[in-house]
PDB file of N, CA and C in Angstrom:
ATOM      1  N   MET A   1    -109.529  -9.300 160.262  1.00  0.00           N
ATOM      2  CA  MET A   1    -109.371  -8.015 160.477  1.00  0.00           C
ATOM      3  C   MET A   1    -109.699  -7.647 161.832  1.00  0.00           C
ATOM      4  N   ALA A   2    -108.783  -6.847 162.283  1.00  0.00           N
ATOM      5  CA  ALA A   2    -108.964  -6.386 163.934  1.00  0.00           C
ATOM      6  C   ALA A   2    -109.790  -5.193 163.958  1.00  0.00           C
ATOM      7  N   SER A   3    -110.894  -5.185 164.632  1.00  0.00           N
ATOM      8  CA  SER A   3    -111.815  -4.327 164.717  1.00  0.00           C
ATOM      9  C   SER A   3    -111.307  -2.757 165.363  1.00  0.00           C
ATOM     10  N   LYS A   4    -111.714  -1.578 164.965  1.00  0.00           N
ATOM     11  CA  LYS A   4    -111.152  -0.427 165.361  1.00  0.00           C
ATOM     12  C   LYS A   4    -111.467  -0.241 166.801  1.00  0.00           C
ATOM     13  N   THR A   5    -110.238   0.733 167.511  1.00  0.00           N
ATOM     14  CA  THR A   5    -110.684   1.089 168.736  1.00  0.00           C
ATOM     15  C   THR A   5    -111.593   2.221 168.783  1.00  0.00           C
ATOM     16  N   ASP A   6    -112.171   2.519 169.921  1.00  0.00           N
ATOM     17  CA  ASP A   6    -112.979   3.707 169.976  1.00  0.00           C
ATOM     18  C   ASP A   6    -112.402   5.030 169.545  1.00  0.00           C
ATOM     19  N   GLN A   7    -110.825   5.032 169.988  1.00  0.00           N
ATOM     20  CA  GLN A   7    -110.277   6.168 169.539  1.00  0.00           C
ATOM     21  C   GLN A   7    -110.133   6.242 168.046  1.00  0.00           C
ATOM     22  N   GLU A   8    -110.152   5.162 167.243  1.00  0.00           N
ATOM     23  CA  GLU A   8    -109.785   5.354 166.029  1.00  0.00           C
ATOM     24  C   GLU A   8    -111.462   5.566 165.331  1.00  0.00           C
ATOM     25  N   ARG A   9    -112.372   4.961 165.898  1.00  0.00           N
ATOM     26  CA  ARG A   9    -113.865   5.357 165.440  1.00  0.00           C
ATOM     27  C   ARG A   9    -114.174   6.902 165.431  1.00  0.00           C
ATOM     28  N   HIS A  10    -113.774   7.529 166.835  1.00  0.00           N
ATOM     29  CA  HIS A  10    -114.193   8.724 167.147  1.00  0.00           C
ATOM     30  C   HIS A  10    -112.784   9.597 167.708  1.00  0.00           C
ATOM     31  N   PRO A  11    -111.884  10.019 166.828  1.00  0.00           N
ATOM     32  CA  PRO A  11    -110.847  10.564 167.198  1.00  0.00           C
ATOM     33  C   PRO A  11    -111.195  11.971 167.690  1.00  0.00           C
ATOM     34  N   GLU A  12    -112.325  12.599 167.439  1.00  0.00           N
ATOM     35  CA  GLU A  12    -112.879  13.881 167.970  1.00  0.00           C
ATOM     36  C   GLU A  12    -112.938  13.911 169.356  1.00  0.00           C
ATOM     37  N   ASN A  13    -112.908  12.697 170.001  1.00  0.00           N
ATOM     38  CA  ASN A  13    -113.351  12.478 171.439  1.00  0.00           C
ATOM     39  C   ASN A  13    -111.966  12.484 172.190  1.00  0.00           C
ATOM     40  N   TYR A  14    -110.864  12.366 171.635  1.00  0.00           N
ATOM     41  CA  TYR A  14    -109.589  12.309 172.329  1.00  0.00           C
ATOM     42  C   TYR A  14    -108.715  13.281 171.739  1.00  0.00           C
ATOM     43  N   PHE A  15    -107.902  13.745 172.949  1.00  0.00           N
ATOM     44  CA  PHE A  15    -106.885  14.835 172.677  1.00  0.00           C
ATOM     45  C   PHE A  15    -105.464  14.352 172.714  1.00  0.00           C
ATOM     46  N   THR A  16    -104.945  14.037 171.664  1.00  0.00           N
ATOM     47  CA  THR A  16    -103.545  13.502 171.528  1.00  0.00           C
ATOM     48  C   THR A  16    -102.844  14.374 170.791  1.00  0.00           C
ATOM     49  N   SER A  17    -103.349  15.602 170.181  1.00  0.00           N
ATOM     50  CA  SER A  17    -102.520  16.442 169.456  1.00  0.00           C
ATOM     51  C   SER A  17    -103.839  17.579 169.238  1.00  0.00           C
ATOM     52  N   PRO A  18    -103.207  19.057 169.462  1.00  0.00           N
ATOM     53  CA  PRO A  18    -104.007  20.141 168.943  1.00  0.00           C
ATOM     54  C   PRO A  18    -104.391  20.124 167.395  1.00  0.00           C
ATOM     55  N   LYS A  19    -103.729  19.420 166.750  1.00  0.00           N
ATOM     56  CA  LYS A  19    -103.974  19.403 165.080  1.00  0.00           C
ATOM     57  C   LYS A  19    -105.370  18.693 164.985  1.00  0.00           C
ATOM     58  N   GLY A  20    -106.253  19.063 164.250  1.00  0.00           N
ATOM     59  CA  GLY A  20    -107.473  18.499 163.887  1.00  0.00           C
ATOM     60  C   GLY A  20    -108.632  18.945 164.824  1.00  0.00           C
ATOM     61  N   HIS A  21    -108.392  19.645 165.774  1.00  0.00           N
ATOM     62  CA  HIS A  21    -109.417  20.195 166.939  1.00  0.00           C
ATOM     63  C   HIS A  21    -109.876  21.533 166.623  1.00  0.00           C
ATOM     64  N   PRO A  22    -111.141  21.955 166.533  1.00  0.00           N
ATOM     65  CA  PRO A  22    -111.391  23.400 166.470  1.00  0.00           C
ATOM     66  C   PRO A  22    -111.104  24.240 167.578  1.00  0.00           C
ATOM     67  N   LYS A  23    -110.473  25.313 167.144  1.00  0.00           N
ATOM     68  CA  LYS A  23    -109.774  26.267 168.176  1.00  0.00           C
ATOM     69  C   LYS A  23    -110.677  27.267 168.513  1.00  0.00           C
ATOM     70  N   ASP A  24    -110.674  27.566 169.992  1.00  0.00           N
ATOM     71  CA  ASP A  24    -111.901  28.746 170.437  1.00  0.00           C
ATOM     72  C   ASP A  24    -110.936  29.766 171.099  1.00  0.00           C
ATOM     73  N   LEU A  25    -111.650  31.111 170.742  1.00  0.00           N
ATOM     74  CA  LEU A  25    -110.866  32.255 171.352  1.00  0.00           C
ATOM     75  C   LEU A  25    -111.336  32.639 172.930  1.00  0.00           C
ATOM     76  N   ILE A  26    -110.668  32.559 174.010  1.00  0.00           N
ATOM     77  CA  ILE A  26    -111.071  33.176 175.185  1.00  0.00           C
ATOM     78  C   ILE A  26    -110.208  33.861 175.686  1.00  0.00           C
ATOM     79  N   ARG A  27    -110.736  34.815 176.935  1.00  0.00           N
ATOM     80  CA  ARG A  27    -109.944  35.384 177.523  1.00  0.00           C
ATOM     81  C   ARG A  27    -110.042  35.051 178.982  1.00  0.00           C
ATOM     82  N   ILE A  28    -108.852  34.754 179.699  1.00  0.00           N
ATOM     83  CA  ILE A  28    -108.770  34.413 181.156  1.00  0.00           C
ATOM     84  C   ILE A  28    -109.200  35.608 181.967  1.00  0.00           C
ATOM     85  N   ASN A  29    -110.278  35.378 182.988  1.00  0.00           N
ATOM     86  CA  ASN A  29    -110.670  36.632 183.586  1.00  0.00           C
ATOM     87  C   ASN A  29    -109.853  36.817 184.930  1.00  0.00           C
ATOM     88  N   GLU A  30    -109.712  38.291 185.420  1.00  0.00           N
ATOM     89  CA  GLU A  30    -108.686  38.453 186.221  1.00  0.00           C
ATOM     90  C   GLU A  30    -109.292  37.950 187.559  1.00  0.00           C
ATOM     91  N   SER A  31    -108.370  37.724 188.310  1.00  0.00           N
ATOM     92  CA  SER A  31    -109.041  37.110 189.925  1.00  0.00           C
ATOM     93  C   SER A  31    -107.905  37.456 190.652  1.00  0.00           C
ATOM     94  N   PRO A  32    -108.025  37.777 192.052  1.00  0.00           N
ATOM     95  CA  PRO A  32    -106.865  37.805 193.015  1.00  0.00           C
ATOM     96  C   PRO A  32    -106.319  36.472 193.183  1.00  0.00           C
ATOM     97  N   ASP A  33    -106.847  35.593 192.742  1.00  0.00           N
ATOM     98  CA  ASP A  33    -106.300  34.270 192.967  1.00  0.00           C
ATOM     99  C   ASP A  33    -105.321  33.618 191.953  1.00  0.00           C
ATOM    100  N   LEU A  34    -104.998  34.434 190.926  1.00  0.00           N
ATOM    101  CA  LEU A  34    -104.480  34.449 189.722  1.00  0.00           C
ATOM    102  C   LEU A  34    -103.044  34.860 189.683  1.00  0.00           C
ATOM    103  N   PRO A  35    -101.905  34.242 189.369  1.00  0.00           N
ATOM    104  CA  PRO A  35    -100.861  35.219 189.236  1.00  0.00           C
ATOM    105  C   PRO A  35    -100.867  36.208 187.743  1.00  0.00           C
ATOM    106  N   LYS A  36    -100.348  37.560 188.098  1.00  0.00           N
ATOM    107  CA  LYS A  36    -100.376  38.518 186.856  1.00  0.00           C
ATOM    108  C   LYS A  36     -99.669  38.068 185.698  1.00  0.00           C
ATOM    109  N   GLU A  37     -98.450  37.090 185.852  1.00  0.00           N
ATOM    110  CA  GLU A  37     -97.616  36.659 184.822  1.00  0.00           C
ATOM    111  C   GLU A  37     -98.615  35.508 184.033  1.00  0.00           C
ATOM    112  N   GLY A  38     -99.287  35.064 184.633  1.00  0.00           N
ATOM    113  CA  GLY A  38    -100.316  34.345 183.582  1.00  0.00           C
ATOM    114  C   GLY A  38    -100.575  32.820 184.344  1.00  0.00           C
ATOM    115  N   VAL A  39    -101.470  32.199 183.791  1.00  0.00           N
ATOM    116  CA  VAL A  39    -101.850  30.829 184.353  1.00  0.00           C
ATOM    117  C   VAL A  39    -101.211  29.738 183.239  1.00  0.00           C
ATOM    118  N   PHE A  40    -100.637  28.673 183.922  1.00  0.00           N
ATOM    119  CA  PHE A  40    -100.139  27.674 183.243  1.00  0.00           C
ATOM    120  C   PHE A  40    -100.948  26.555 183.241  1.00  0.00           C
ATOM    121  N   PHE A  41    -101.575  25.885 182.202  1.00  0.00           N
ATOM    122  CA  PHE A  41    -102.058  24.827 182.173  1.00  0.00           C
ATOM    123  C   PHE A  41    -102.018  23.881 180.786  1.00  0.00           C
ATOM    124  N   GLY A  42    -102.337  22.521 180.774  1.00  0.00           N
ATOM    125  CA  GLY A  42    -102.030  21.796 179.809  1.00  0.00           C
ATOM    126  C   GLY A  42    -102.717  20.678 179.915  1.00  0.00           C
ATOM    127  N   LEU A  43    -102.896  19.910 178.885  1.00  0.00           N
ATOM    128  CA  LEU A  43    -103.768  18.537 178.759  1.00  0.00           C
ATOM    129  C   LEU A  43    -102.782  17.602 177.821  1.00  0.00           C
ATOM    130  N   ASN A  44    -102.758  16.573 178.492  1.00  0.00           N
ATOM    131  CA  ASN A  44    -101.984  15.452 177.609  1.00  0.00           C
ATOM    132  C   ASN A  44    -100.597  16.011 176.879  1.00  0.00           C
ATOM    133  N   GLY A  45     -99.818  16.742 177.625  1.00  0.00           N
ATOM    134  CA  GLY A  45     -98.277  17.162 177.328  1.00  0.00           C
ATOM    135  C   GLY A  45     -98.337  18.492 176.338  1.00  0.00           C
ATOM    136  N   TYR A  46     -99.519  19.017 176.296  1.00  0.00           N
ATOM    137  CA  TYR A  46     -99.486  20.109 175.487  1.00  0.00           C
ATOM    138  C   TYR A  46     -99.908  21.363 176.475  1.00  0.00           C
ATOM    139  N   GLN A  47     -98.745  22.276 176.494  1.00  0.00           N
ATOM    140  CA  GLN A  47     -99.003  23.307 177.638  1.00  0.00           C
ATOM    141  C   GLN A  47     -99.158  24.629 177.095  1.00  0.00           C
ATOM    142  N   TYR A  48    -100.019  25.471 177.706  1.00  0.00           N
ATOM    143  CA  TYR A  48    -100.368  26.802 177.344  1.00  0.00           C
ATOM    144  C   TYR A  48    -100.071  27.817 178.682  1.00  0.00           C
ATOM    145  N   LEU A  49     -99.845  28.994 178.208  1.00  0.00           N
ATOM    146  CA  LEU A  49     -99.686  30.187 179.288  1.00  0.00           C
ATOM    147  C   LEU A  49    -100.531  31.296 178.944  1.00  0.00           C
ATOM    148  N   ALA A  50    -101.597  31.638 179.683  1.00  0.00           N
ATOM    149  CA  ALA A  50    -102.242  32.690 179.418  1.00  0.00           C
ATOM    150  C   ALA A  50    -102.557  33.739 180.486  1.00  0.00           C
ATOM    151  N   LYS A  51    -102.067  34.823 180.111  1.00  0.00           N
ATOM    152  CA  LYS A  51    -102.284  35.846 181.198  1.00  0.00           C
ATOM    153  C   LYS A  51    -103.759  36.381 181.270  1.00  0.00           C
ATOM    154  N   PRO A  52    -104.304  36.735 182.445  1.00  0.00           N
ATOM    155  CA  PRO A  52    -105.246  37.073 182.712  1.00  0.00           C
ATOM    156  C   PRO A  52    -105.717  38.424 181.859  1.00  0.00           C
ATOM    157  N   GLY A  53    -106.991  38.758 181.275  1.00  0.00           N
ATOM    158  CA  GLY A  53    -107.310  39.612 180.463  1.00  0.00           C
ATOM    159  C   GLY A  53    -106.589  39.806 179.094  1.00  0.00           C
ATOM    160  N   THR A  54    -105.947  38.575 178.443  1.00  0.00           N
ATOM    161  CA  THR A  54    -105.373  38.583 177.206  1.00  0.00           C
ATOM    162  C   THR A  54    -106.044  37.509 176.580  1.00  0.00           C
ATOM    163  N   GLU A  55    -106.382  37.780 175.457  1.00  0.00           N
ATOM    164  CA  GLU A  55    -107.092  36.861 174.501  1.00  0.00           C
ATOM    165  C   GLU A  55    -105.991  35.611 174.258  1.00  0.00           C
ATOM    166  N   ILE A  56    -106.629  34.484 174.218  1.00  0.00           N
ATOM    167  CA  ILE A  56    -105.721  33.200 173.695  1.00  0.00           C
ATOM    168  C   ILE A  56    -106.836  32.468 172.941  1.00  0.00           C
ATOM    169  N   LYS A  57    -106.229  31.563 171.813  1.00  0.00           N
ATOM    170  CA  LYS A  57    -106.760  30.664 170.823  1.00  0.00           C
ATOM    171  C   LYS A  57    -106.194  29.576 171.431  1.00  0.00           C
ATOM    172  N   ILE A  58    -107.032  28.592 171.837  1.00  0.00           N
ATOM    173  CA  ILE A  58    -106.765  27.042 172.275  1.00  0.00           C
ATOM    174  C   ILE A  58    -107.703  26.184 171.763  1.00  0.00           C
ATOM    175  N   PRO A  59    -107.186  24.894 171.727  1.00  0.00           N
ATOM    176  CA  PRO A  59    -108.225  23.691 171.093  1.00  0.00           C
ATOM    177  C   PRO A  59    -109.365  23.631 171.928  1.00  0.00           C
ATOM    178  N   ARG A  60    -110.201  23.336 171.326  1.00  0.00           N
ATOM    179  CA  ARG A  60    -111.784  23.051 172.321  1.00  0.00           C
ATOM    180  C   ARG A  60    -111.604  22.146 173.248  1.00  0.00           C
ATOM    181  N   PRO A  61    -110.921  21.012 173.113  1.00  0.00           N
ATOM    182  CA  PRO A  61    -110.729  19.998 174.221  1.00  0.00           C
ATOM    183  C   PRO A  61    -109.857  20.746 175.691  1.00  0.00           C
ATOM    184  N   VAL A  62    -109.066  21.790 175.375  1.00  0.00           N
ATOM    185  CA  VAL A  62    -108.360  22.274 176.483  1.00  0.00           C
ATOM    186  C   VAL A  62    -109.317  23.356 177.166  1.00  0.00           C
ATOM    187  N   ARG A  63    -110.046  23.791 176.329  1.00  0.00           N
ATOM    188  CA  ARG A  63    -111.033  25.004 176.771  1.00  0.00           C
ATOM    189  C   ARG A  63    -112.225  24.141 177.864  1.00  0.00           C
ATOM    190  N   LEU A  64    -112.546  23.003 177.447  1.00  0.00           N
ATOM    191  CA  LEU A  64    -113.251  22.159 178.044  1.00  0.00           C
ATOM    192  C   LEU A  64    -112.857  21.692 179.416  1.00  0.00           C
ATOM    193  N   MET A  65    -111.455  21.162 179.391  1.00  0.00           N
ATOM    194  CA  MET A  65    -110.918  20.925 180.457  1.00  0.00           C
ATOM    195  C   MET A  65    -110.919  21.908 181.465  1.00  0.00           C
ATOM    196  N   LEU A  66    -110.745  23.172 181.179  1.00  0.00           N
ATOM    197  CA  LEU A  66    -110.611  24.196 181.938  1.00  0.00           C
ATOM    198  C   LEU A  66    -111.987  24.226 182.940  1.00  0.00           C
ATOM    199  N   ASP A  67    -113.069  23.739 182.176  1.00  0.00           N
ATOM    200  CA  ASP A  67    -114.352  23.619 183.110  1.00  0.00           C
ATOM    201  C   ASP A  67    -114.397  22.799 184.138  1.00  0.00           C
ATOM    202  N   THR A  68    -113.458  21.788 184.103  1.00  0.00           N
ATOM    203  CA  THR A  68    -113.572  20.539 184.879  1.00  0.00           C
ATOM    204  C   THR A  68    -112.547  20.981 186.493  1.00  0.00           C
ATOM    205  N   ARG A  69    -111.526  21.956 186.032  1.00  0.00           N
ATOM    206  CA  ARG A  69    -110.758  22.458 187.452  1.00  0.00           C
ATOM    207  C   ARG A  69    -111.477  23.354 188.154  1.00  0.00           C
ATOM    208  N   ILE A  70    -111.862  22.693 189.325  1.00  0.00           N
ATOM    209  CA  ILE A  70    -112.616  23.231 190.361  1.00  0.00           C
ATOM    210  C   ILE A  70    -111.849  23.190 191.742  1.00  0.00           C
ATOM    211  N   GLN A  71    -112.238  24.172 192.701  1.00  0.00           N
ATOM    212  CA  GLN A  71    -111.764  24.306 193.934  1.00  0.00           C
ATOM    213  C   GLN A  71    -113.152  24.400 194.918  1.00  0.00           C
ATOM    214  N   THR A  72    -112.618  23.439 196.037  1.00  0.00           N
ATOM    215  CA  THR A  72    -113.795  23.516 196.996  1.00  0.00           C
ATOM    216  C   THR A  72    -113.782  24.305 198.117  1.00  0.00           C
ATOM    217  N   LYS A  73    -114.376  25.392 198.493  1.00  0.00           N
ATOM    218  CA  LYS A  73    -114.398  26.222 199.547  1.00  0.00           C
ATOM    219  C   LYS A  73    -115.567  25.984 200.791  1.00  0.00           C
ATOM    220  N   THR A  74    -115.359  26.252 201.705  1.00  0.00           N
ATOM    221  CA  THR A  74    -116.185  26.069 202.797  1.00  0.00           C
ATOM    222  C   THR A  74    -116.663  27.332 203.323  1.00  0.00           C
ATOM    223  N   GLN A  75    -118.099  27.439 202.796  1.00  0.00           N
ATOM    224  CA  GLN A  75    -118.965  28.314 203.207  1.00  0.00           C
ATOM    225  C   GLN A  75    -119.543  28.390 204.829  1.00  0.00           C
ATOM    226  N   ARG A  76    -119.497  29.214 205.427  1.00  0.00           N
ATOM    227  CA  ARG A  76    -119.938  29.270 206.776  1.00  0.00           C
ATOM    228  C   ARG A  76    -121.300  30.174 206.653  1.00  0.00           C
ATOM    229  N   VAL A  77    -122.482  29.666 207.385  1.00  0.00           N
ATOM    230  CA  VAL A  77    -123.351  30.453 207.403  1.00  0.00           C
ATOM    231  C   VAL A  77    -124.086  30.254 208.849  1.00  0.00           C
ATOM    232  N   ASP A  78    -124.218  31.695 209.302  1.00  0.00           N
ATOM    233  CA  ASP A  78    -124.905  31.662 210.510  1.00  0.00           C
ATOM    234  C   ASP A  78    -126.513  31.717 210.507  1.00  0.00           C
ATOM    235  N   GLU A  79    -126.937  30.460 211.299  1.00  0.00           N
ATOM    236  CA  GLU A  79    -128.568  30.364 211.051  1.00  0.00           C
ATOM    237  C   GLU A  79    -129.293  31.125 211.895  1.00  0.00           C
ATOM    238  N   GLY A  80    -128.448  32.083 212.873  1.00  0.00           N
ATOM    239  CA  GLY A  80    -129.133  33.092 213.349  1.00  0.00           C
ATOM    240  C   GLY A  80    -129.581  32.763 215.005  1.00  0.00           C
ATOM    241  N   ASN A  81    -129.413  31.530 214.976  1.00  0.00           N
ATOM    242  CA  ASN A  81    -129.836  30.970 216.600  1.00  0.00           C
ATOM    243  C   ASN A  81    -128.691  30.498 217.228  1.00  0.00           C
ATOM    244  N   GLY A  82    -127.339  31.066 216.770  1.00  0.00           N
ATOM    245  CA  GLY A  82    -126.111  30.697 217.559  1.00  0.00           C
ATOM    246  C   GLY A  82    -125.553  29.499 216.680  1.00  0.00           C
ATOM    247  N   ASN A  83    -126.179  28.846 215.689  1.00  0.00           N
ATOM    248  CA  ASN A  83    -125.447  27.809 215.180  1.00  0.00           C
ATOM    249  C   ASN A  83    -124.945  28.446 213.720  1.00  0.00           C
ATOM    250  N   VAL A  84    -123.696  27.828 213.442  1.00  0.00           N
ATOM    251  CA  VAL A  84    -122.712  28.393 212.375  1.00  0.00           C
ATOM    252  C   VAL A  84    -122.921  26.904 211.644  1.00  0.00           C
ATOM    253  N   VAL A  85    -123.375  26.943 210.410  1.00  0.00           N
ATOM    254  CA  VAL A  85    -123.262  25.747 209.654  1.00  0.00           C
ATOM    255  C   VAL A  85    -122.326  25.923 208.280  1.00  0.00           C
ATOM    256  N   ALA A  86    -121.431  24.941 208.232  1.00  0.00           N
ATOM    257  CA  ALA A  86    -120.548  24.800 207.252  1.00  0.00           C
ATOM    258  C   ALA A  86    -120.946  24.271 206.082  1.00  0.00           C
ATOM    259  N   TYR A  87    -121.161  24.690 204.806  1.00  0.00           N
ATOM    260  CA  TYR A  87    -121.261  24.041 203.607  1.00  0.00           C
ATOM    261  C   TYR A  87    -120.067  24.066 202.485  1.00  0.00           C
ATOM    262  N   PRO A  88    -119.908  22.788 202.213  1.00  0.00           N
ATOM    263  CA  PRO A  88    -118.659  23.074 200.889  1.00  0.00           C
ATOM    264  C   PRO A  88    -119.445  23.455 199.539  1.00  0.00           C
ATOM    265  N   ARG A  89    -118.775  24.308 198.857  1.00  0.00           N
ATOM    266  CA  ARG A  89    -119.243  24.824 197.700  1.00  0.00           C
ATOM    267  C   ARG A  89    -117.970  24.681 196.549  1.00  0.00           C
ATOM    268  N   ASP A  90    -118.295  24.148 195.354  1.00  0.00           N
ATOM    269  CA  ASP A  90    -117.402  24.307 194.289  1.00  0.00           C
ATOM    270  C   ASP A  90    -117.346  25.380 193.471  1.00  0.00           C
ATOM    271  N   TYR A  91    -116.245  25.706 193.066  1.00  0.00           N
ATOM    272  CA  TYR A  91    -116.153  27.096 192.464  1.00  0.00           C
ATOM    273  C   TYR A  91    -114.975  26.831 191.209  1.00  0.00           C
ATOM    274  N   PRO A  92    -115.202  27.596 190.469  1.00  0.00           N
ATOM    275  CA  PRO A  92    -114.264  27.173 189.249  1.00  0.00           C
ATOM    276  C   PRO A  92    -112.745  27.612 189.407  1.00  0.00           C
ATOM    277  N   ARG A  93    -111.758  26.900 189.370  1.00  0.00           N
ATOM    278  CA  ARG A  93    -110.517  27.387 189.567  1.00  0.00           C
ATOM    279  C   ARG A  93    -109.692  28.626 188.663  1.00  0.00           C
ATOM    280  N   ILE A  94    -110.486  28.510 187.354  1.00  0.00           N
ATOM    281  CA  ILE A  94    -110.075  29.384 186.361  1.00  0.00           C
ATOM    282  C   ILE A  94    -111.348  29.869 185.608  1.00  0.00           C
ATOM    283  N   THR A  95    -111.382  31.134 185.679  1.00  0.00           N
ATOM    284  CA  THR A  95    -112.699  31.338 185.053  1.00  0.00           C
ATOM    285  C   THR A  95    -112.437  31.939 183.574  1.00  0.00           C
ATOM    286  N   TYR A  96    -113.101  32.229 182.620  1.00  0.00           N
ATOM    287  CA  TYR A  96    -112.764  32.809 181.268  1.00  0.00           C
ATOM    288  C   TYR A  96    -113.912  33.104 180.588  1.00  0.00           C
ATOM    289  N   THR A  97    -113.983  34.010 179.862  1.00  0.00           N
ATOM    290  CA  THR A  97    -114.845  34.431 178.680  1.00  0.00           C
ATOM    291  C   THR A  97    -114.547  33.901 177.503  1.00  0.00           C
ATOM    292  N   LEU A  98    -115.735  33.181 177.061  1.00  0.00           N
ATOM    293  CA  LEU A  98    -115.649  32.751 175.724  1.00  0.00           C
ATOM    294  C   LEU A  98    -115.982  33.908 174.464  1.00  0.00           C
ATOM    295  N   ILE A  99    -114.989  34.095 173.531  1.00  0.00           N
ATOM    296  CA  ILE A  99    -115.087  35.274 172.796  1.00  0.00           C
ATOM    297  C   ILE A  99    -115.667  34.637 171.492  1.00  0.00           C
ATOM    298  N   LYS A 100    -115.028  33.602 170.818  1.00  0.00           N
ATOM    299  CA  LYS A 100    -115.403  33.132 169.692  1.00  0.00           C
ATOM    300  C   LYS A 100    -115.259  31.616 169.699  1.00  0.00           C
ATOM    301  N   GLU A 101    -116.049  30.762 169.117  1.00  0.00           N
ATOM    302  CA  GLU A 101    -115.854  29.434 169.032  1.00  0.00           C
ATOM    303  C   GLU A 101    -115.397  29.252 167.591  1.00  0.00           C
ATOM    304  N   ASP A 102    -114.497  28.118 167.407  1.00  0.00           N
ATOM    305  CA  ASP A 102    -114.055  27.677 165.908  1.00  0.00           C
ATOM    306  C   ASP A 102    -113.585  28.966 164.987  1.00  0.00           C
ATOM    307  N   VAL A 103    -112.431  29.604 165.830  1.00  0.00           N
ATOM    308  CA  VAL A 103    -112.048  30.796 165.126  1.00  0.00           C
ATOM    309  C   VAL A 103    -111.339  30.460 163.821  1.00  0.00           C
ATOM    310  N   ASP A 104    -110.750  29.126 163.469  1.00  0.00           N
ATOM    311  CA  ASP A 104    -110.127  29.046 162.513  1.00  0.00           C
ATOM    312  C   ASP A 104    -111.166  28.467 161.030  1.00  0.00           C
ATOM    313  N   ALA A 105    -112.350  28.654 161.597  1.00  0.00           N
ATOM    314  CA  ALA A 105    -113.300  27.790 160.462  1.00  0.00           C
ATOM    315  C   ALA A 105    -113.408  28.700 159.062  1.00  0.00           C
ATOM    316  N   MET A 106    -113.688  28.178 158.050  1.00  0.00           N
ATOM    317  CA  MET A 106    -113.780  28.914 156.946  1.00  0.00           C
ATOM    318  C   MET A 106    -115.322  29.915 157.175  1.00  0.00           C
ATOM    319  N   PRO A 107    -115.486  30.753 156.962  1.00  0.00           N
ATOM    320  CA  PRO A 107    -116.657  31.656 156.841  1.00  0.00           C
ATOM    321  C   PRO A 107    -117.604  31.197 155.992  1.00  0.00           C
ATOM    322  N   ILE A 108    -119.040  30.975 156.376  1.00  0.00           N
ATOM    323  CA  ILE A 108    -119.871  30.645 155.307  1.00  0.00           C
ATOM    324  C   ILE A 108    -120.250  32.018 154.784  1.00  0.00           C
ATOM    325  N   THR A 109    -120.221  31.931 153.340  1.00  0.00           N
ATOM    326  CA  THR A 109    -121.030  33.183 152.806  1.00  0.00           C
ATOM    327  C   THR A 109    -122.042  32.941 151.889  1.00  0.00           C
ATOM    328  N   GLU A 110    -123.132  33.627 151.929  1.00  0.00           N
ATOM    329  CA  GLU A 110    -124.289  33.428 150.917  1.00  0.00           C
ATOM    330  C   GLU A 110    -123.797  33.827 149.567  1.00  0.00           C
ATOM    331  N   LYS A 111    -124.178  33.434 148.577  1.00  0.00           N
ATOM    332  CA  LYS A 111    -124.201  33.833 147.101  1.00  0.00           C
ATOM    333  C   LYS A 111    -125.100  34.999 146.948  1.00  0.00           C
ATOM    334  N   THR A 112    -124.697  35.977 146.249  1.00  0.00           N
ATOM    335  CA  THR A 112    -125.602  37.038 145.972  1.00  0.00           C
ATOM    336  C   THR A 112    -126.347  36.694 144.853  1.00  0.00           C
ATOM    337  N   ASP A 113    -127.359  37.423 144.431  1.00  0.00           N
ATOM    338  CA  ASP A 113    -128.118  37.132 143.150  1.00  0.00           C
ATOM    339  C   ASP A 113    -127.438  37.223 141.918  1.00  0.00           C
ATOM    340  N   GLU A 114    -126.395  38.014 141.883  1.00  0.00           N
ATOM    341  CA  GLU A 114    -125.494  38.038 140.727  1.00  0.00           C
ATOM    342  C   GLU A 114    -124.840  36.632 140.342  1.00  0.00           C
ATOM    343  N   GLN A 115    -124.236  36.326 141.584  1.00  0.00           N
ATOM    344  CA  GLN A 115    -123.600  34.952 141.535  1.00  0.00           C
ATOM    345  C   GLN A 115    -124.573  33.786 141.367  1.00  0.00           C
ATOM    346  N   VAL A 116    -125.699  33.785 141.700  1.00  0.00           N
ATOM    347  CA  VAL A 116    -126.584  32.873 141.369  1.00  0.00           C
ATOM    348  C   VAL A 116    -126.889  32.586 139.551  1.00  0.00           C
ATOM    349  N   SER A 117    -127.271  33.912 139.240  1.00  0.00           N
ATOM    350  CA  SER A 117    -127.749  34.216 137.983  1.00  0.00           C
ATOM    351  C   SER A 117    -126.212  33.908 136.942  1.00  0.00           C
ATOM    352  N   ALA A 118    -125.289  34.094 137.438  1.00  0.00           N
ATOM    353  CA  ALA A 118    -124.006  33.895 136.585  1.00  0.00           C
ATOM    354  C   ALA A 118    -123.751  32.627 136.238  1.00  0.00           C
ATOM    355  N   GLU A 119    -124.080  31.590 137.550  1.00  0.00           N
ATOM    356  CA  GLU A 119    -123.946  30.170 137.714  1.00  0.00           C
ATOM    357  C   GLU A 119    -124.809  29.378 136.617  1.00  0.00           C
ATOM    358  N   ALA A 120    -125.976  30.164 136.536  1.00  0.00           N
ATOM    359  CA  ALA A 120    -127.176  29.510 135.716  1.00  0.00           C
ATOM    360  C   ALA A 120    -126.786  29.300 134.342  1.00  0.00           C
TER     361      ALA A 120
END
């Protein structure tokens, strides 16, 4: 019998389809660098269009991928003695606000005293 691949043993670590992954509700933050029409991003062939300031439900692996999208800008600092030093600094390319994780999950409700006594 052939051994299972890592993807077969841990499918939650691989994004081959949005199906089966928890969905997170986010809002793309408005920025002068982003077009008003929206930001287009995708992961493994699944594409999303999100307008800044609008809430969107996306699979968690796609949200985590947004965290890896960075841009490097050079920051120049005057040291006061005539020297200007340039420092590279990484910034997120797309910033967002996480509104709620796992929005499609079943809500956990606690049983009332009446329900507990009715079951007994």
